[in-house]
């Protein structure tokens, strides 16, 4: 994994914004960074992308994402945060992000660097839209 897209939503879950991508280092460093990000931004929920085959079957990356989500959840608890971690199907998010960026005013030369954070925005939007209103 070369980079990980990050995004946040507002407190009401009405808007999202992309953040600079995270360049993965080690699981411990990445979890520590994300715990700090959650603390600093008072994050209530985290969406971790779950890569799966088109059939819905797991891949080695699916198992890795599940393990990362569990480690992140443990790190959040150890930090005294009540942030919930959700695994969200990420199939199609990169394509949707590319289409969204192509339709935007973002210069073509800048789109590649924004693709992962845009896909992260879509994951958050998917998570938020799957909830009953008022939650």
C-alpha atoms as a PDB file:
ATOM      1  CA  UNK A   1       0.000   0.000   0.000  1.00  0.00           C
ATOM      2  CA  UNK A   2       1.610   3.247  -1.167  1.00  0.00           C
ATOM      3  CA  UNK A   3      -0.746   5.708   0.504  1.00  0.00           C
ATOM      4  CA  UNK A   4      -3.925   5.753   2.524  1.00  0.00           C
ATOM      5  CA  UNK A   5      -6.648   8.309   1.894  1.00  0.00           C
ATOM      6  CA  UNK A   6      -8.005  10.229   4.845  1.00  0.00           C
ATOM      7  CA  UNK A   7     -11.114  12.361   5.178  1.00  0.00           C
ATOM      8  CA  UNK A   8     -13.304  13.878   7.872  1.00  0.00           C
ATOM      9  CA  UNK A   9     -16.942  14.840   8.069  1.00  0.00           C
ATOM     10  CA  UNK A  10     -18.448  17.714   9.992  1.00  0.00           C
ATOM     11  CA  UNK A  11     -20.127  17.039  13.344  1.00  0.00           C
ATOM     12  CA  UNK A  12     -23.548  16.653  11.750  1.00  0.00           C
ATOM     13  CA  UNK A  13     -22.327  14.340   8.995  1.00  0.00           C
ATOM     14  CA  UNK A  14     -23.493  16.715   6.269  1.00  0.00           C
ATOM     15  CA  UNK A  15     -20.188  17.457   4.546  1.00  0.00           C
ATOM     16  CA  UNK A  16     -16.859  15.733   4.118  1.00  0.00           C
ATOM     17  CA  UNK A  17     -13.392  16.984   3.328  1.00  0.00           C
ATOM     18  CA  UNK A  18     -10.302  15.183   2.211  1.00  0.00           C
ATOM     19  CA  UNK A  19      -7.097  15.345   4.226  1.00  0.00           C
ATOM     20  CA  UNK A  20      -3.539  14.792   3.049  1.00  0.00           C
ATOM     21  CA  UNK A  21      -2.861  11.124   2.376  1.00  0.00           C
ATOM     22  CA  UNK A  22      -1.113   9.005   4.979  1.00  0.00           C
ATOM     23  CA  UNK A  23       2.008   7.270   3.740  1.00  0.00           C
ATOM     24  CA  UNK A  24       1.986   4.033   5.725  1.00  0.00           C
ATOM     25  CA  UNK A  25       5.044   3.342   7.858  1.00  0.00           C
ATOM     26  CA  UNK A  26       4.421   0.641  10.437  1.00  0.00           C
ATOM     27  CA  UNK A  27       1.133  -0.481  11.890  1.00  0.00           C
ATOM     28  CA  UNK A  28       2.076   0.941  15.297  1.00  0.00           C
ATOM     29  CA  UNK A  29       3.048   4.344  13.845  1.00  0.00           C
ATOM     30  CA  UNK A  30      -0.041   4.493  11.637  1.00  0.00           C
ATOM     31  CA  UNK A  31      -2.347   3.626  14.540  1.00  0.00           C
ATOM     32  CA  UNK A  32      -0.653   6.217  16.771  1.00  0.00           C
ATOM     33  CA  UNK A  33      -1.104   8.862  14.064  1.00  0.00           C
ATOM     34  CA  UNK A  34      -4.771   7.989  13.561  1.00  0.00           C
ATOM     35  CA  UNK A  35      -5.470   7.912  17.304  1.00  0.00           C
ATOM     36  CA  UNK A  36      -4.014  11.423  17.517  1.00  0.00           C
ATOM     37  CA  UNK A  37      -6.086  12.551  14.543  1.00  0.00           C
ATOM     38  CA  UNK A  38      -9.224  11.132  16.162  1.00  0.00           C
ATOM     39  CA  UNK A  39      -8.428  12.806  19.482  1.00  0.00           C
ATOM     40  CA  UNK A  40      -7.592  16.179  17.904  1.00  0.00           C
ATOM     41  CA  UNK A  41     -10.751  16.200  15.765  1.00  0.00           C
ATOM     42  CA  UNK A  42     -13.109  14.569  18.295  1.00  0.00           C
ATOM     43  CA  UNK A  43     -13.915  11.805  15.814  1.00  0.00           C
ATOM     44  CA  UNK A  44     -16.832   9.567  16.778  1.00  0.00           C
ATOM     45  CA  UNK A  45     -16.574   7.011  13.998  1.00  0.00           C
ATOM     46  CA  UNK A  46     -13.825   5.757  11.697  1.00  0.00           C
ATOM     47  CA  UNK A  47     -14.452   4.036   8.371  1.00  0.00           C
ATOM     48  CA  UNK A  48     -11.786   1.531   7.341  1.00  0.00           C
ATOM     49  CA  UNK A  49     -12.013   0.478   3.712  1.00  0.00           C
ATOM     50  CA  UNK A  50     -12.542  -3.233   3.212  1.00  0.00           C
ATOM     51  CA  UNK A  51     -11.076  -4.345  -0.121  1.00  0.00           C
ATOM     52  CA  UNK A  52     -12.858  -7.355  -1.543  1.00  0.00           C
ATOM     53  CA  UNK A  53     -13.093  -9.134  -4.839  1.00  0.00           C
ATOM     54  CA  UNK A  54     -16.045  -8.188  -7.083  1.00  0.00           C
ATOM     55  CA  UNK A  55     -17.662 -11.433  -5.916  1.00  0.00           C
ATOM     56  CA  UNK A  56     -17.477 -10.234  -2.313  1.00  0.00           C
ATOM     57  CA  UNK A  57     -14.843 -12.794  -1.382  1.00  0.00           C
ATOM     58  CA  UNK A  58     -11.924 -11.892   0.844  1.00  0.00           C
ATOM     59  CA  UNK A  59      -8.373 -11.373  -0.358  1.00  0.00           C
ATOM     60  CA  UNK A  60      -5.154 -11.143   1.652  1.00  0.00           C
ATOM     61  CA  UNK A  61      -5.723  -7.350   1.712  1.00  0.00           C
ATOM     62  CA  UNK A  62      -9.206  -7.897   3.179  1.00  0.00           C
ATOM     63  CA  UNK A  63      -7.720  -9.859   6.067  1.00  0.00           C
ATOM     64  CA  UNK A  64      -5.031  -7.191   6.508  1.00  0.00           C
ATOM     65  CA  UNK A  65      -7.693  -4.447   6.657  1.00  0.00           C
ATOM     66  CA  UNK A  66      -9.664  -6.400   9.265  1.00  0.00           C
ATOM     67  CA  UNK A  67      -6.511  -6.811  11.354  1.00  0.00           C
ATOM     68  CA  UNK A  68      -5.671  -3.125  11.033  1.00  0.00           C
ATOM     69  CA  UNK A  69      -9.197  -2.150  12.076  1.00  0.00           C
ATOM     70  CA  UNK A  70      -8.932  -4.362  15.175  1.00  0.00           C
ATOM     71  CA  UNK A  71      -5.541  -2.865  16.080  1.00  0.00           C
ATOM     72  CA  UNK A  72      -6.879   0.658  15.554  1.00  0.00           C
ATOM     73  CA  UNK A  73      -9.901  -0.095  17.716  1.00  0.00           C
ATOM     74  CA  UNK A  74      -7.623  -1.367  20.498  1.00  0.00           C
ATOM     75  CA  UNK A  75      -5.421   1.736  20.186  1.00  0.00           C
ATOM     76  CA  UNK A  76      -8.424   4.017  20.446  1.00  0.00           C
ATOM     77  CA  UNK A  77      -9.629   2.189  23.589  1.00  0.00           C
ATOM     78  CA  UNK A  78      -6.150   2.371  25.154  1.00  0.00           C
ATOM     79  CA  UNK A  79      -6.190   6.128  24.529  1.00  0.00           C
ATOM     80  CA  UNK A  80      -9.525   6.396  26.330  1.00  0.00           C
ATOM     81  CA  UNK A  81     -11.450   7.311  23.185  1.00  0.00           C
ATOM     82  CA  UNK A  82     -14.911   5.975  22.437  1.00  0.00           C
ATOM     83  CA  UNK A  83     -14.414   6.203  18.683  1.00  0.00           C
ATOM     84  CA  UNK A  84     -16.135   3.366  16.826  1.00  0.00           C
ATOM     85  CA  UNK A  85     -14.373   1.604  13.945  1.00  0.00           C
ATOM     86  CA  UNK A  86     -16.458   0.414  10.992  1.00  0.00           C
ATOM     87  CA  UNK A  87     -15.374  -1.759   8.098  1.00  0.00           C
ATOM     88  CA  UNK A  88     -16.889  -0.339   4.912  1.00  0.00           C
ATOM     89  CA  UNK A  89     -16.950  -2.095   1.557  1.00  0.00           C
ATOM     90  CA  UNK A  90     -14.610  -0.093  -0.660  1.00  0.00           C
ATOM     91  CA  UNK A  91     -15.434  -1.773  -3.953  1.00  0.00           C
ATOM     92  CA  UNK A  92     -15.929   0.876  -6.601  1.00  0.00           C
ATOM     93  CA  UNK A  93     -14.734   3.808  -4.506  1.00  0.00           C
ATOM     94  CA  UNK A  94     -11.580   4.469  -6.535  1.00  0.00           C
ATOM     95  CA  UNK A  95     -13.559   4.493  -9.775  1.00  0.00           C
ATOM     96  CA  UNK A  96     -16.242   6.737  -8.270  1.00  0.00           C
ATOM     97  CA  UNK A  97     -13.555   9.047  -6.874  1.00  0.00           C
ATOM     98  CA  UNK A  98     -11.852   9.289 -10.269  1.00  0.00           C
ATOM     99  CA  UNK A  99     -15.190  10.119 -11.920  1.00  0.00           C
ATOM    100  CA  UNK A 100     -16.013  12.714  -9.277  1.00  0.00           C
ATOM    101  CA  UNK A 101     -12.605  14.382  -9.674  1.00  0.00           C
ATOM    102  CA  UNK A 102     -12.915  14.329 -13.480  1.00  0.00           C
ATOM    103  CA  UNK A 103     -16.215  16.206 -13.185  1.00  0.00           C
ATOM    104  CA  UNK A 104     -14.750  18.744 -10.775  1.00  0.00           C
ATOM    105  CA  UNK A 105     -12.621  21.772 -11.464  1.00  0.00           C
ATOM    106  CA  UNK A 106      -9.501  19.986 -10.189  1.00  0.00           C
ATOM    107  CA  UNK A 107      -6.682  20.077 -12.711  1.00  0.00           C
ATOM    108  CA  UNK A 108      -5.960  16.723 -14.333  1.00  0.00           C
ATOM    109  CA  UNK A 109      -2.341  16.873 -13.108  1.00  0.00           C
ATOM    110  CA  UNK A 110      -3.554  17.140  -9.474  1.00  0.00           C
ATOM    111  CA  UNK A 111      -6.181  14.392  -9.555  1.00  0.00           C
ATOM    112  CA  UNK A 112      -3.899  11.402  -8.944  1.00  0.00           C
ATOM    113  CA  UNK A 113      -2.672  12.842  -5.649  1.00  0.00           C
ATOM    114  CA  UNK A 114      -6.246  13.456  -4.529  1.00  0.00           C
ATOM    115  CA  UNK A 115      -7.707  10.097  -5.575  1.00  0.00           C
ATOM    116  CA  UNK A 116      -7.203   8.311  -2.255  1.00  0.00           C
ATOM    117  CA  UNK A 117      -8.602  11.101  -0.087  1.00  0.00           C
ATOM    118  CA  UNK A 118     -11.565  11.417  -2.452  1.00  0.00           C
ATOM    119  CA  UNK A 119     -12.185   7.671  -2.131  1.00  0.00           C
ATOM    120  CA  UNK A 120     -11.980   8.104   1.659  1.00  0.00           C
ATOM    121  CA  UNK A 121     -14.633  10.824   1.420  1.00  0.00           C
ATOM    122  CA  UNK A 122     -16.857   8.358  -0.433  1.00  0.00           C
ATOM    123  CA  UNK A 123     -16.313   5.718   2.281  1.00  0.00           C
ATOM    124  CA  UNK A 124     -17.402   8.207   4.929  1.00  0.00           C
ATOM    125  CA  UNK A 125     -20.414   9.255   2.873  1.00  0.00           C
ATOM    126  CA  UNK A 126     -21.360   5.578   2.461  1.00  0.00           C
ATOM    127  CA  UNK A 127     -21.069   5.033   6.211  1.00  0.00           C
ATOM    128  CA  UNK A 128     -23.117   8.126   7.002  1.00  0.00           C
ATOM    129  CA  UNK A 129     -25.826   7.299   4.457  1.00  0.00           C
ATOM    130  CA  UNK A 130     -26.221   3.791   5.875  1.00  0.00           C
ATOM    131  CA  UNK A 131     -27.294   5.163   9.263  1.00  0.00           C
ATOM    132  CA  UNK A 132     -30.790   5.969  10.351  1.00  0.00           C
ATOM    133  CA  UNK A 133     -31.427   9.723  10.448  1.00  0.00           C
ATOM    134  CA  UNK A 134     -30.550  11.387  13.752  1.00  0.00           C
ATOM    135  CA  UNK A 135     -27.610   9.072  14.614  1.00  0.00           C
END
